Amino acid sequence: MEKILVGLKRVVDYNVRVRVKSDGTGVETNGVKMSINPFDEIALEEALRIKDRGDATEVIVVSVGSADAQQQLRTGLAMGADRAILVESEIAVDPLTLARTLKAIVDRDNIDLVLLGKQAIDNDNSQTGQMLAAIWGRPQAMFASQIDLDGDKAKVTREVDSGLEVIEVELPAVISVDLRLNEPRYVKLPDIMKAKKKPLEQTPLANLGVEHGTVIKELGFEPPEERKRGVMVDDIAGLVAALKDKGLA
């Protein structure tokens, strides 16, 4: 296997408390710390480990979005990726458009394996990997907690409701990763400096022959209701009465 493609999405850092804009049109991002989607970071770590074992020759990271996403791509390069691709789009793309964009890069760069996070923490769609596999006509293995490569095949352990499931897919393939697959490496300052010299390609979405479609329409955003104070009860009878008052029993 030669090339591994890893998708990196720019999202609000998971340590930041998410705030909805006052007009309800989206999530506030101005002045907010942005990071690589945590699941995508795990996917990149796995790709780098595969390369470190000698099972791949090149790791490519790609992001679709505004010029600000260069920051996350540079972080991916600092982790150890060989080169980066920024597909420029000032408008947020839906999962289907993203899958079509990745397919265009897969065809152009002759990718052997695509590793993605199982979902993004901003919208939790968990759709892009499955759509890419369908468009590409290649096998998929979603929610991987362990990946073992053997020649042109990958044995993937995935977590399901009943426990663990082990499946085998032929490469090229699309694999999405879960939290327990690995722990991403810490980026050191020398690696950050080296990353500045690594190639970062910027290309408009239209240059890949992908039209910007909008299948999902977001009507509005609102924060969840504040958690109400609990009620102290003295006994079981009091508990049952309190549940009845709330219409829960």
C-alpha atoms as a PDB file:
ATOM      1  CA  MET A   1       0.000   0.000   0.000  1.00  0.00           C
ATOM      2  CA  GLU A   2       1.288   3.423  -0.924  1.00  0.00           C
ATOM      3  CA  LYS A   3      -1.059   6.292  -0.064  1.00  0.00           C
ATOM      4  CA  ILE A   4      -3.392   6.880   2.873  1.00  0.00           C
ATOM      5  CA  LEU A   5      -5.823   9.803   2.817  1.00  0.00           C
ATOM      6  CA  VAL A   6      -7.029  11.213   6.151  1.00  0.00           C
ATOM      7  CA  GLY A   7      -9.824  13.747   6.498  1.00  0.00           C
ATOM      8  CA  LEU A   8      -9.378  16.524   9.061  1.00  0.00           C
ATOM      9  CA  LYS A   9     -12.275  18.786  10.033  1.00  0.00           C
ATOM     10  CA  ARG A  10     -11.921  22.133  11.790  1.00  0.00           C
ATOM     11  CA  VAL A  11     -14.305  22.199  14.772  1.00  0.00           C
ATOM     12  CA  VAL A  12     -14.790  24.075  18.025  1.00  0.00           C
ATOM     13  CA  ASP A  13     -12.344  22.587  20.545  1.00  0.00           C
ATOM     14  CA  TYR A  14     -13.973  19.928  22.708  1.00  0.00           C
ATOM     15  CA  ASN A  15     -12.905  21.777  25.883  1.00  0.00           C
ATOM     16  CA  VAL A  16     -14.823  24.908  24.872  1.00  0.00           C
ATOM     17  CA  ARG A  17     -18.383  25.482  26.015  1.00  0.00           C
ATOM     18  CA  VAL A  18     -20.474  25.791  22.859  1.00  0.00           C
ATOM     19  CA  ARG A  19     -22.617  28.938  22.567  1.00  0.00           C
ATOM     20  CA  VAL A  20     -25.425  29.555  20.105  1.00  0.00           C
ATOM     21  CA  LYS A  21     -25.420  32.881  18.234  1.00  0.00           C
ATOM     22  CA  SER A  22     -27.903  35.449  19.489  1.00  0.00           C
ATOM     23  CA  ASP A  23     -29.841  35.311  16.200  1.00  0.00           C
ATOM     24  CA  GLY A  24     -30.066  31.496  16.299  1.00  0.00           C
ATOM     25  CA  THR A  25     -28.328  31.041  12.936  1.00  0.00           C
ATOM     26  CA  GLY A  26     -25.523  28.825  14.194  1.00  0.00           C
ATOM     27  CA  VAL A  27     -22.799  28.249  16.764  1.00  0.00           C
ATOM     28  CA  GLU A  28     -20.543  31.113  17.834  1.00  0.00           C
ATOM     29  CA  THR A  29     -17.005  30.663  16.470  1.00  0.00           C
ATOM     30  CA  ASN A  30     -15.571  34.194  16.644  1.00  0.00           C
ATOM     31  CA  GLY A  31     -12.772  34.273  19.200  1.00  0.00           C
ATOM     32  CA  VAL A  32     -13.318  30.583  19.972  1.00  0.00           C
ATOM     33  CA  LYS A  33     -10.492  28.032  20.026  1.00  0.00           C
ATOM     34  CA  MET A  34     -10.716  25.700  17.029  1.00  0.00           C
ATOM     35  CA  SER A  35      -9.051  22.288  16.737  1.00  0.00           C
ATOM     36  CA  ILE A  36      -8.944  19.108  14.695  1.00  0.00           C
ATOM     37  CA  ASN A  37     -12.037  16.986  15.216  1.00  0.00           C
ATOM     38  CA  PRO A  38     -10.876  14.461  17.899  1.00  0.00           C
ATOM     39  CA  PHE A  39     -11.978  11.399  15.908  1.00  0.00           C
ATOM     40  CA  ASP A  40     -10.065  12.687  12.860  1.00  0.00           C
ATOM     41  CA  GLU A  41      -6.956  13.126  14.988  1.00  0.00           C
ATOM     42  CA  ILE A  42      -7.208   9.452  15.980  1.00  0.00           C
ATOM     43  CA  ALA A  43      -7.564   8.511  12.305  1.00  0.00           C
ATOM     44  CA  LEU A  44      -4.398  10.445  11.491  1.00  0.00           C
ATOM     45  CA  GLU A  45      -2.496   8.800  14.338  1.00  0.00           C
ATOM     46  CA  GLU A  46      -3.456   5.376  12.998  1.00  0.00           C
ATOM     47  CA  ALA A  47      -2.328   6.322   9.491  1.00  0.00           C
ATOM     48  CA  LEU A  48       1.025   7.489  10.853  1.00  0.00           C
ATOM     49  CA  ARG A  49       1.475   4.256  12.789  1.00  0.00           C
ATOM     50  CA  ILE A  50       0.747   2.260   9.641  1.00  0.00           C
ATOM     51  CA  LYS A  51       3.395   4.270   7.807  1.00  0.00           C
ATOM     52  CA  ASP A  52       5.872   3.887  10.698  1.00  0.00           C
ATOM     53  CA  ARG A  53       5.494   0.091  10.392  1.00  0.00           C
ATOM     54  CA  GLY A  54       6.412   0.316   6.715  1.00  0.00           C
ATOM     55  CA  ASP A  55       2.928  -0.600   5.446  1.00  0.00           C
ATOM     56  CA  ALA A  56       2.444   2.736   3.634  1.00  0.00           C
ATOM     57  CA  THR A  57       4.736   5.270   1.977  1.00  0.00           C
ATOM     58  CA  GLU A  58       2.715   8.507   2.189  1.00  0.00           C
ATOM     59  CA  VAL A  59       0.075  10.023   4.467  1.00  0.00           C
ATOM     60  CA  ILE A  60      -2.008  12.864   3.028  1.00  0.00           C
ATOM     61  CA  VAL A  61      -4.349  15.038   5.084  1.00  0.00           C
ATOM     62  CA  VAL A  62      -7.262  16.912   3.529  1.00  0.00           C
ATOM     63  CA  SER A  63      -9.750  19.477   4.778  1.00  0.00           C
ATOM     64  CA  VAL A  64     -12.683  21.176   3.056  1.00  0.00           C
ATOM     65  CA  GLY A  65     -13.448  24.694   4.233  1.00  0.00           C
ATOM     66  CA  SER A  66     -12.144  28.226   4.540  1.00  0.00           C
ATOM     67  CA  ALA A  67      -8.512  29.329   4.611  1.00  0.00           C
ATOM     68  CA  ASP A  68      -8.626  29.113   8.418  1.00  0.00           C
ATOM     69  CA  ALA A  69      -8.477  25.315   8.112  1.00  0.00           C
ATOM     70  CA  GLN A  70      -4.798  25.664   7.186  1.00  0.00           C
ATOM     71  CA  GLN A  71      -4.109  25.793  10.926  1.00  0.00           C
ATOM     72  CA  GLN A  72      -5.514  22.299  11.463  1.00  0.00           C
ATOM     73  CA  LEU A  73      -3.769  20.968   8.378  1.00  0.00           C
ATOM     74  CA  ARG A  74      -0.438  22.348   9.624  1.00  0.00           C
ATOM     75  CA  THR A  75      -1.077  20.544  12.907  1.00  0.00           C
ATOM     76  CA  GLY A  76      -1.618  17.351  10.931  1.00  0.00           C
ATOM     77  CA  LEU A  77       1.666  17.944   9.104  1.00  0.00           C
ATOM     78  CA  ALA A  78       3.394  18.538  12.428  1.00  0.00           C
ATOM     79  CA  MET A  79       2.062  15.193  13.671  1.00  0.00           C
ATOM     80  CA  GLY A  80       3.830  13.538  10.739  1.00  0.00           C
ATOM     81  CA  ALA A  81       1.674  13.732   7.603  1.00  0.00           C
ATOM     82  CA  ASP A  82       3.675  14.173   4.393  1.00  0.00           C
ATOM     83  CA  ARG A  83       1.488  16.724   2.627  1.00  0.00           C
ATOM     84  CA  ALA A  84      -1.839  18.495   2.942  1.00  0.00           C
ATOM     85  CA  ILE A  85      -4.698  19.512   0.679  1.00  0.00           C
ATOM     86  CA  LEU A  86      -7.103  22.346   1.443  1.00  0.00           C
ATOM     87  CA  VAL A  87     -10.209  22.303  -0.725  1.00  0.00           C
ATOM     88  CA  GLU A  88     -11.444  25.867  -0.448  1.00  0.00           C
ATOM     89  CA  SER A  89     -15.123  26.507   0.235  1.00  0.00           C
ATOM     90  CA  GLU A  90     -16.439  29.487   2.160  1.00  0.00           C
ATOM     91  CA  ILE A  91     -19.793  27.726   2.520  1.00  0.00           C
ATOM     92  CA  ALA A  92     -20.039  24.695   4.799  1.00  0.00           C
ATOM     93  CA  VAL A  93     -20.455  21.505   2.775  1.00  0.00           C
ATOM     94  CA  ASP A  94     -22.920  18.743   3.591  1.00  0.00           C
ATOM     95  CA  PRO A  95     -21.789  15.087   3.973  1.00  0.00           C
ATOM     96  CA  LEU A  96     -22.676  14.126   0.393  1.00  0.00           C
ATOM     97  CA  THR A  97     -20.715  17.016  -1.127  1.00  0.00           C
ATOM     98  CA  LEU A  98     -17.807  16.164   1.169  1.00  0.00           C
ATOM     99  CA  ALA A  99     -17.922  12.515   0.095  1.00  0.00           C
ATOM    100  CA  ARG A 100     -17.874  13.556  -3.567  1.00  0.00           C
ATOM    101  CA  THR A 101     -14.908  15.842  -2.872  1.00  0.00           C
ATOM    102  CA  LEU A 102     -12.960  13.042  -1.198  1.00  0.00           C
ATOM    103  CA  LYS A 103     -13.806  10.726  -4.107  1.00  0.00           C
ATOM    104  CA  ALA A 104     -12.330  13.272  -6.542  1.00  0.00           C
ATOM    105  CA  ILE A 105      -9.095  13.359  -4.539  1.00  0.00           C
ATOM    106  CA  VAL A 106      -9.045   9.558  -4.244  1.00  0.00           C
ATOM    107  CA  ASP A 107      -9.230   9.250  -8.025  1.00  0.00           C
ATOM    108  CA  ARG A 108      -6.731  12.026  -8.703  1.00  0.00           C
ATOM    109  CA  ASP A 109      -4.090  10.836  -6.234  1.00  0.00           C
ATOM    110  CA  ASN A 110      -4.645   7.044  -6.500  1.00  0.00           C
ATOM    111  CA  ILE A 111      -5.418   6.556  -2.812  1.00  0.00           C
ATOM    112  CA  ASP A 112      -5.214   3.025  -1.347  1.00  0.00           C
ATOM    113  CA  LEU A 113      -6.907   3.640   2.017  1.00  0.00           C
ATOM    114  CA  VAL A 114      -9.134   6.394   3.392  1.00  0.00           C
ATOM    115  CA  LEU A 115      -9.209   6.859   7.175  1.00  0.00           C
ATOM    116  CA  LEU A 116     -11.849   9.134   8.709  1.00  0.00           C
ATOM    117  CA  GLY A 117     -13.165   9.897  12.155  1.00  0.00           C
ATOM    118  CA  LYS A 118     -16.445   8.090  12.760  1.00  0.00           C
ATOM    119  CA  GLN A 119     -18.199  11.459  13.162  1.00  0.00           C
ATOM    120  CA  ALA A 120     -17.550  15.155  13.714  1.00  0.00           C
ATOM    121  CA  ILE A 121     -18.321  16.558  17.149  1.00  0.00           C
ATOM    122  CA  ASP A 122     -20.054  19.632  15.718  1.00  0.00           C
ATOM    123  CA  ASN A 123     -22.918  17.969  13.846  1.00  0.00           C
ATOM    124  CA  ASP A 124     -22.579  14.229  14.649  1.00  0.00           C
ATOM    125  CA  ASN A 125     -23.828  13.195  11.202  1.00  0.00           C
ATOM    126  CA  SER A 126     -21.584  10.112  10.864  1.00  0.00           C
ATOM    127  CA  GLN A 127     -22.401   9.866   7.146  1.00  0.00           C
ATOM    128  CA  THR A 128     -19.380  10.868   5.072  1.00  0.00           C
ATOM    129  CA  GLY A 129     -17.457   7.583   5.268  1.00  0.00           C
ATOM    130  CA  GLN A 130     -20.458   5.480   4.313  1.00  0.00           C
ATOM    131  CA  MET A 131     -21.337   7.793   1.406  1.00  0.00           C
ATOM    132  CA  LEU A 132     -17.755   7.805   0.135  1.00  0.00           C
ATOM    133  CA  ALA A 133     -17.615   3.997   0.144  1.00  0.00           C
ATOM    134  CA  ALA A 134     -20.882   3.829  -1.820  1.00  0.00           C
ATOM    135  CA  ILE A 135     -19.759   6.402  -4.417  1.00  0.00           C
ATOM    136  CA  TRP A 136     -16.323   4.790  -4.707  1.00  0.00           C
ATOM    137  CA  GLY A 137     -17.763   1.273  -4.942  1.00  0.00           C
ATOM    138  CA  ARG A 138     -15.291  -0.011  -2.337  1.00  0.00           C
ATOM    139  CA  PRO A 139     -15.716  -1.816   1.022  1.00  0.00           C
ATOM    140  CA  GLN A 140     -16.314   0.068   4.256  1.00  0.00           C
ATOM    141  CA  ALA A 141     -15.545  -0.717   7.905  1.00  0.00           C
ATOM    142  CA  MET A 142     -17.033   1.796  10.297  1.00  0.00           C
ATOM    143  CA  PHE A 143     -16.316   2.509  14.000  1.00  0.00           C
ATOM    144  CA  ALA A 144     -12.986   0.656  14.137  1.00  0.00           C
ATOM    145  CA  SER A 145     -11.385   0.019  17.523  1.00  0.00           C
ATOM    146  CA  GLN A 146      -8.539  -2.049  16.020  1.00  0.00           C
ATOM    147  CA  ILE A 147      -7.062  -2.265  12.524  1.00  0.00           C
ATOM    148  CA  ASP A 148      -4.717  -5.051  11.352  1.00  0.00           C
ATOM    149  CA  LEU A 149      -3.320  -4.950   7.824  1.00  0.00           C
ATOM    150  CA  ASP A 150      -2.239  -8.042   5.912  1.00  0.00           C
ATOM    151  CA  GLY A 151      -1.202  -7.342   2.344  1.00  0.00           C
ATOM    152  CA  ASP A 152      -4.202  -6.111   0.396  1.00  0.00           C
ATOM    153  CA  LYS A 153      -6.642  -6.882   3.211  1.00  0.00           C
ATOM    154  CA  ALA A 154      -7.576  -5.168   6.483  1.00  0.00           C
ATOM    155  CA  LYS A 155      -9.055  -6.946   9.490  1.00  0.00           C
ATOM    156  CA  VAL A 156     -11.104  -4.462  11.465  1.00  0.00           C
ATOM    157  CA  THR A 157     -12.496  -4.905  14.951  1.00  0.00           C
ATOM    158  CA  ARG A 158     -15.531  -2.711  15.497  1.00  0.00           C
ATOM    159  CA  GLU A 159     -17.724  -2.031  18.491  1.00  0.00           C
ATOM    160  CA  VAL A 160     -21.395  -2.926  18.113  1.00  0.00           C
ATOM    161  CA  ASP A 161     -24.294  -3.069  20.579  1.00  0.00           C
ATOM    162  CA  SER A 162     -23.744  -6.773  21.276  1.00  0.00           C
ATOM    163  CA  GLY A 163     -19.971  -6.479  21.814  1.00  0.00           C
ATOM    164  CA  LEU A 164     -17.140  -6.704  19.262  1.00  0.00           C
ATOM    165  CA  GLU A 165     -17.429  -7.611  15.602  1.00  0.00           C
ATOM    166  CA  VAL A 166     -14.459  -8.522  13.397  1.00  0.00           C
ATOM    167  CA  ILE A 167     -14.741  -8.034   9.651  1.00  0.00           C
ATOM    168  CA  GLU A 168     -12.247  -8.301   6.811  1.00  0.00           C
ATOM    169  CA  VAL A 169     -12.225  -5.910   3.846  1.00  0.00           C
ATOM    170  CA  GLU A 170     -10.143  -5.757   0.704  1.00  0.00           C
ATOM    171  CA  LEU A 171      -8.171  -2.611  -0.046  1.00  0.00           C
ATOM    172  CA  PRO A 172      -8.764   0.027  -1.291  1.00  0.00           C
ATOM    173  CA  ALA A 173     -11.378   0.696   1.390  1.00  0.00           C
ATOM    174  CA  VAL A 174     -12.863   3.321   3.672  1.00  0.00           C
ATOM    175  CA  ILE A 175     -12.398   2.907   7.427  1.00  0.00           C
ATOM    176  CA  SER A 176     -13.783   5.197  10.120  1.00  0.00           C
ATOM    177  CA  VAL A 177     -12.279   5.097  13.598  1.00  0.00           C
ATOM    178  CA  ASP A 178     -13.581   5.127  17.161  1.00  0.00           C
ATOM    179  CA  LEU A 179     -12.118   6.612  20.337  1.00  0.00           C
ATOM    180  CA  ARG A 180     -10.475   3.456  21.662  1.00  0.00           C
ATOM    181  CA  LEU A 181      -8.327   2.816  18.595  1.00  0.00           C
ATOM    182  CA  ASN A 182      -5.304   4.780  19.854  1.00  0.00           C
ATOM    183  CA  GLU A 183      -4.066   7.904  21.616  1.00  0.00           C
ATOM    184  CA  PRO A 184      -2.761  10.640  19.270  1.00  0.00           C
ATOM    185  CA  ARG A 185       0.848  11.705  19.697  1.00  0.00           C
ATOM    186  CA  TYR A 186       1.924  14.990  21.246  1.00  0.00           C
ATOM    187  CA  VAL A 187       3.162  17.573  18.747  1.00  0.00           C
ATOM    188  CA  LYS A 188       6.579  19.019  19.622  1.00  0.00           C
ATOM    189  CA  LEU A 189       7.910  22.458  18.676  1.00  0.00           C
ATOM    190  CA  PRO A 190      10.562  21.148  16.220  1.00  0.00           C
ATOM    191  CA  ASP A 191       7.822  19.235  14.403  1.00  0.00           C
ATOM    192  CA  ILE A 192       5.721  22.407  14.174  1.00  0.00           C
ATOM    193  CA  MET A 193       8.665  24.230  12.580  1.00  0.00           C
ATOM    194  CA  LYS A 194       9.258  21.394  10.089  1.00  0.00           C
ATOM    195  CA  ALA A 195       5.571  21.394   9.160  1.00  0.00           C
ATOM    196  CA  LYS A 196       5.881  24.939   7.784  1.00  0.00           C
ATOM    197  CA  LYS A 197       8.093  23.605   4.990  1.00  0.00           C
ATOM    198  CA  LYS A 198       5.837  20.716   4.016  1.00  0.00           C
ATOM    199  CA  PRO A 199       3.608  21.150   0.939  1.00  0.00           C
ATOM    200  CA  LEU A 200       0.057  22.420   1.458  1.00  0.00           C
ATOM    201  CA  GLU A 201      -1.978  22.481  -1.741  1.00  0.00           C
ATOM    202  CA  GLN A 202      -4.927  24.876  -1.986  1.00  0.00           C
ATOM    203  CA  THR A 203      -7.565  24.280  -4.616  1.00  0.00           C
ATOM    204  CA  PRO A 204     -11.128  25.602  -5.018  1.00  0.00           C
ATOM    205  CA  LEU A 205     -13.915  23.051  -4.735  1.00  0.00           C
ATOM    206  CA  ALA A 206     -14.983  23.725  -8.343  1.00  0.00           C
ATOM    207  CA  ASN A 207     -11.522  22.733  -9.628  1.00  0.00           C
ATOM    208  CA  LEU A 208     -12.207  19.155  -8.550  1.00  0.00           C
ATOM    209  CA  GLY A 209     -15.361  19.032 -10.632  1.00  0.00           C
ATOM    210  CA  VAL A 210     -17.598  18.973  -7.559  1.00  0.00           C
ATOM    211  CA  GLU A 211     -20.667  21.167  -7.371  1.00  0.00           C
ATOM    212  CA  HIS A 212     -21.633  22.650  -4.033  1.00  0.00           C
ATOM    213  CA  GLY A 213     -24.984  21.092  -3.188  1.00  0.00           C
ATOM    214  CA  THR A 214     -27.179  21.648  -0.153  1.00  0.00           C
ATOM    215  CA  VAL A 215     -29.112  18.516   0.738  1.00  0.00           C
ATOM    216  CA  ILE A 216     -29.445  19.375   4.432  1.00  0.00           C
ATOM    217  CA  LYS A 217     -31.133  22.637   5.377  1.00  0.00           C
ATOM    218  CA  GLU A 218     -30.539  23.980   8.894  1.00  0.00           C
ATOM    219  CA  LEU A 219     -33.600  25.889  10.042  1.00  0.00           C
ATOM    220  CA  GLY A 220     -32.317  27.230  13.340  1.00  0.00           C
ATOM    221  CA  PHE A 221     -30.265  26.644  16.474  1.00  0.00           C
ATOM    222  CA  GLU A 222     -31.179  26.919  20.122  1.00  0.00           C
ATOM    223  CA  PRO A 223     -29.367  25.932  23.318  1.00  0.00           C
ATOM    224  CA  PRO A 224     -30.717  23.065  25.449  1.00  0.00           C
ATOM    225  CA  GLU A 225     -32.917  23.906  28.393  1.00  0.00           C
ATOM    226  CA  GLU A 226     -31.076  24.602  31.618  1.00  0.00           C
ATOM    227  CA  ARG A 227     -31.050  21.686  33.994  1.00  0.00           C
ATOM    228  CA  LYS A 228     -33.655  22.080  36.722  1.00  0.00           C
ATOM    229  CA  ARG A 229     -32.905  21.574  40.385  1.00  0.00           C
ATOM    230  CA  GLY A 230     -33.596  18.163  41.835  1.00  0.00           C
ATOM    231  CA  VAL A 231     -36.285  17.402  44.410  1.00  0.00           C
ATOM    232  CA  MET A 232     -35.467  15.785  47.756  1.00  0.00           C
ATOM    233  CA  VAL A 233     -37.857  13.062  48.902  1.00  0.00           C
ATOM    234  CA  ASP A 234     -38.090  11.269  52.240  1.00  0.00           C
ATOM    235  CA  ASP A 235     -39.275   7.834  51.100  1.00  0.00           C
ATOM    236  CA  ILE A 236     -40.486   5.718  48.197  1.00  0.00           C
ATOM    237  CA  ALA A 237     -43.990   7.135  48.441  1.00  0.00           C
ATOM    238  CA  GLY A 238     -42.560  10.643  48.100  1.00  0.00           C
ATOM    239  CA  LEU A 239     -40.523   9.546  45.070  1.00  0.00           C
ATOM    240  CA  VAL A 240     -43.572   8.075  43.357  1.00  0.00           C
ATOM    241  CA  ALA A 241     -45.601  11.226  44.098  1.00  0.00           C
ATOM    242  CA  ALA A 242     -42.837  13.455  42.674  1.00  0.00           C
ATOM    243  CA  LEU A 243     -42.661  11.322  39.492  1.00  0.00           C
ATOM    244  CA  LYS A 244     -46.432  11.529  39.095  1.00  0.00           C
ATOM    245  CA  ASP A 245     -46.292  15.315  39.417  1.00  0.00           C
ATOM    246  CA  LYS A 246     -43.854  15.384  36.510  1.00  0.00           C
ATOM    247  CA  GLY A 247     -45.945  12.958  34.475  1.00  0.00           C
ATOM    248  CA  LEU A 248     -43.260  10.275  34.625  1.00  0.00           C
ATOM    249  CA  ALA A 249     -45.182   7.601  36.508  1.00  0.00           C
END
